[in-house]
């Protein structure tokens, strides 16, 4: 059984851009690497259908940055709460009251 060859995405993009820009004709592009014309047509259709998502990267980047900022705020709040809890434990140890009659004695 023949194994299918794998073509990298950079090659596909380069070939499609050569055809779409008019640098080469589809027949020229298909000839050397032995591509079938219908495969090139499929690649072109993929590029055209996904072209709108090229500019959506800015939106995704903003969403990721907002999420990172939110997580950083949460981490800062948790760090502050942890520091307060540690100080409370230290204070409770140092001022642990030992009943000495009616007086409280500091350890």
C-alpha atoms as a PDB file:
ATOM      1  CA  UNK A   1       0.000   0.000   0.000  1.00  0.00           C
ATOM      2  CA  UNK A   2       1.333   3.461  -0.916  1.00  0.00           C
ATOM      3  CA  UNK A   3       1.869   5.962   1.793  1.00  0.00           C
ATOM      4  CA  UNK A   4       0.389   9.439   1.293  1.00  0.00           C
ATOM      5  CA  UNK A   5       2.923  12.212   1.084  1.00  0.00           C
ATOM      6  CA  UNK A   6       2.657  15.008   3.548  1.00  0.00           C
ATOM      7  CA  UNK A   7       2.963  18.566   2.303  1.00  0.00           C
ATOM      8  CA  UNK A   8       3.861  21.276   4.786  1.00  0.00           C
ATOM      9  CA  UNK A   9       1.608  24.261   5.341  1.00  0.00           C
ATOM     10  CA  UNK A  10       4.276  26.772   4.268  1.00  0.00           C
ATOM     11  CA  UNK A  11       4.534  25.117   0.872  1.00  0.00           C
ATOM     12  CA  UNK A  12       0.768  25.130   0.449  1.00  0.00           C
ATOM     13  CA  UNK A  13       0.577  28.813   1.359  1.00  0.00           C
ATOM     14  CA  UNK A  14       3.423  29.753  -0.966  1.00  0.00           C
ATOM     15  CA  UNK A  15       1.878  27.851  -3.893  1.00  0.00           C
ATOM     16  CA  UNK A  16      -1.583  29.353  -3.350  1.00  0.00           C
ATOM     17  CA  UNK A  17      -0.171  32.873  -3.027  1.00  0.00           C
ATOM     18  CA  UNK A  18       1.801  32.455  -6.258  1.00  0.00           C
ATOM     19  CA  UNK A  19      -1.413  31.527  -8.064  1.00  0.00           C
ATOM     20  CA  UNK A  20      -3.627  34.146  -6.403  1.00  0.00           C
ATOM     21  CA  UNK A  21      -1.102  36.939  -6.976  1.00  0.00           C
ATOM     22  CA  UNK A  22      -0.780  36.014 -10.639  1.00  0.00           C
ATOM     23  CA  UNK A  23       2.946  35.226 -10.478  1.00  0.00           C
ATOM     24  CA  UNK A  24       2.339  31.753 -11.842  1.00  0.00           C
ATOM     25  CA  UNK A  25      -0.490  29.966 -13.513  1.00  0.00           C
ATOM     26  CA  UNK A  26      -2.090  26.958 -11.800  1.00  0.00           C
ATOM     27  CA  UNK A  27      -0.677  24.563 -14.413  1.00  0.00           C
ATOM     28  CA  UNK A  28       2.868  25.811 -13.779  1.00  0.00           C
ATOM     29  CA  UNK A  29       2.518  25.403 -10.037  1.00  0.00           C
ATOM     30  CA  UNK A  30       1.126  21.872 -10.335  1.00  0.00           C
ATOM     31  CA  UNK A  31       3.658  20.604 -12.860  1.00  0.00           C
ATOM     32  CA  UNK A  32       6.951  20.442 -10.909  1.00  0.00           C
ATOM     33  CA  UNK A  33       5.816  18.983  -7.561  1.00  0.00           C
ATOM     34  CA  UNK A  34       3.271  16.764  -9.344  1.00  0.00           C
ATOM     35  CA  UNK A  35       0.190  18.253  -7.730  1.00  0.00           C
ATOM     36  CA  UNK A  36      -3.279  17.541  -8.991  1.00  0.00           C
ATOM     37  CA  UNK A  37      -5.233  20.626 -10.038  1.00  0.00           C
ATOM     38  CA  UNK A  38      -8.160  19.709  -7.797  1.00  0.00           C
ATOM     39  CA  UNK A  39      -5.815  19.647  -4.796  1.00  0.00           C
ATOM     40  CA  UNK A  40      -4.636  23.167  -5.629  1.00  0.00           C
ATOM     41  CA  UNK A  41      -8.275  24.242  -5.990  1.00  0.00           C
ATOM     42  CA  UNK A  42      -9.031  22.838  -2.534  1.00  0.00           C
ATOM     43  CA  UNK A  43      -6.073  24.720  -1.035  1.00  0.00           C
ATOM     44  CA  UNK A  44      -7.219  27.948  -2.689  1.00  0.00           C
ATOM     45  CA  UNK A  45     -10.748  27.452  -1.367  1.00  0.00           C
ATOM     46  CA  UNK A  46      -9.350  26.894   2.141  1.00  0.00           C
ATOM     47  CA  UNK A  47      -7.289  30.083   1.947  1.00  0.00           C
ATOM     48  CA  UNK A  48     -10.236  32.130   0.709  1.00  0.00           C
ATOM     49  CA  UNK A  49     -12.668  30.732   3.286  1.00  0.00           C
ATOM     50  CA  UNK A  50     -10.253  31.289   6.186  1.00  0.00           C
ATOM     51  CA  UNK A  51      -8.974  34.683   5.085  1.00  0.00           C
ATOM     52  CA  UNK A  52     -11.260  36.533   7.525  1.00  0.00           C
ATOM     53  CA  UNK A  53      -9.634  34.789  10.482  1.00  0.00           C
ATOM     54  CA  UNK A  54      -6.259  36.298   9.632  1.00  0.00           C
ATOM     55  CA  UNK A  55      -7.344  39.589  11.170  1.00  0.00           C
ATOM     56  CA  UNK A  56      -9.138  37.971  14.101  1.00  0.00           C
ATOM     57  CA  UNK A  57      -5.784  37.394  15.794  1.00  0.00           C
ATOM     58  CA  UNK A  58      -5.963  40.873  17.334  1.00  0.00           C
ATOM     59  CA  UNK A  59      -9.267  40.049  19.005  1.00  0.00           C
ATOM     60  CA  UNK A  60      -7.953  36.760  20.360  1.00  0.00           C
ATOM     61  CA  UNK A  61      -4.812  38.475  21.613  1.00  0.00           C
ATOM     62  CA  UNK A  62      -6.884  41.059  23.476  1.00  0.00           C
ATOM     63  CA  UNK A  63      -9.030  38.355  25.046  1.00  0.00           C
ATOM     64  CA  UNK A  64      -5.950  36.438  26.159  1.00  0.00           C
ATOM     65  CA  UNK A  65      -4.373  39.595  27.588  1.00  0.00           C
ATOM     66  CA  UNK A  66      -7.579  40.388  29.502  1.00  0.00           C
ATOM     67  CA  UNK A  67      -7.647  36.872  30.919  1.00  0.00           C
ATOM     68  CA  UNK A  68      -3.985  37.134  31.947  1.00  0.00           C
ATOM     69  CA  UNK A  69      -4.673  40.462  33.694  1.00  0.00           C
ATOM     70  CA  UNK A  70      -7.637  38.909  35.516  1.00  0.00           C
ATOM     71  CA  UNK A  71      -5.545  35.940  36.673  1.00  0.00           C
ATOM     72  CA  UNK A  72      -2.745  38.284  37.810  1.00  0.00           C
ATOM     73  CA  UNK A  73      -5.242  40.299  39.890  1.00  0.00           C
ATOM     74  CA  UNK A  74      -6.512  37.082  41.459  1.00  0.00           C
ATOM     75  CA  UNK A  75      -2.966  35.928  42.247  1.00  0.00           C
ATOM     76  CA  UNK A  76      -2.133  39.293  43.868  1.00  0.00           C
ATOM     77  CA  UNK A  77      -5.279  39.062  46.000  1.00  0.00           C
ATOM     78  CA  UNK A  78      -4.475  35.497  47.066  1.00  0.00           C
ATOM     79  CA  UNK A  79      -0.894  36.477  47.924  1.00  0.00           C
ATOM     80  CA  UNK A  80      -2.205  39.307  50.085  1.00  0.00           C
ATOM     81  CA  UNK A  81      -4.651  36.973  51.835  1.00  0.00           C
ATOM     82  CA  UNK A  82      -1.860  34.467  52.441  1.00  0.00           C
ATOM     83  CA  UNK A  83       0.399  37.156  53.920  1.00  0.00           C
ATOM     84  CA  UNK A  84      -2.403  38.293  56.234  1.00  0.00           C
ATOM     85  CA  UNK A  85      -3.059  34.715  57.328  1.00  0.00           C
ATOM     86  CA  UNK A  86       0.655  34.141  58.036  1.00  0.00           C
ATOM     87  CA  UNK A  87       0.843  37.317  60.125  1.00  0.00           C
ATOM     88  CA  UNK A  88      -2.275  36.290  62.017  1.00  0.00           C
ATOM     89  CA  UNK A  89      -0.710  32.921  62.835  1.00  0.00           C
ATOM     90  CA  UNK A  90       2.517  34.572  64.001  1.00  0.00           C
ATOM     91  CA  UNK A  91       0.619  37.079  66.134  1.00  0.00           C
ATOM     92  CA  UNK A  92      -1.545  34.366  67.641  1.00  0.00           C
ATOM     93  CA  UNK A  93       1.582  32.376  68.573  1.00  0.00           C
ATOM     94  CA  UNK A  94       3.439  35.323  70.051  1.00  0.00           C
ATOM     95  CA  UNK A  95       0.436  36.562  72.011  1.00  0.00           C
ATOM     96  CA  UNK A  96      -0.889  33.205  73.003  1.00  0.00           C
ATOM     97  CA  UNK A  97      -2.464  33.869  76.261  1.00  0.00           C
ATOM     98  CA  UNK A  98      -1.640  31.693  79.127  1.00  0.00           C
ATOM     99  CA  UNK A  99      -3.912  32.128  82.046  1.00  0.00           C
ATOM    100  CA  UNK A 100      -1.930  33.131  85.086  1.00  0.00           C
ATOM    101  CA  UNK A 101      -4.583  33.810  87.578  1.00  0.00           C
ATOM    102  CA  UNK A 102      -6.413  36.867  86.404  1.00  0.00           C
ATOM    103  CA  UNK A 103      -3.469  38.147  84.344  1.00  0.00           C
ATOM    104  CA  UNK A 104      -2.576  37.320  80.760  1.00  0.00           C
ATOM    105  CA  UNK A 105       1.110  36.694  80.154  1.00  0.00           C
ATOM    106  CA  UNK A 106       2.869  37.201  76.847  1.00  0.00           C
ATOM    107  CA  UNK A 107       5.158  34.319  75.789  1.00  0.00           C
END
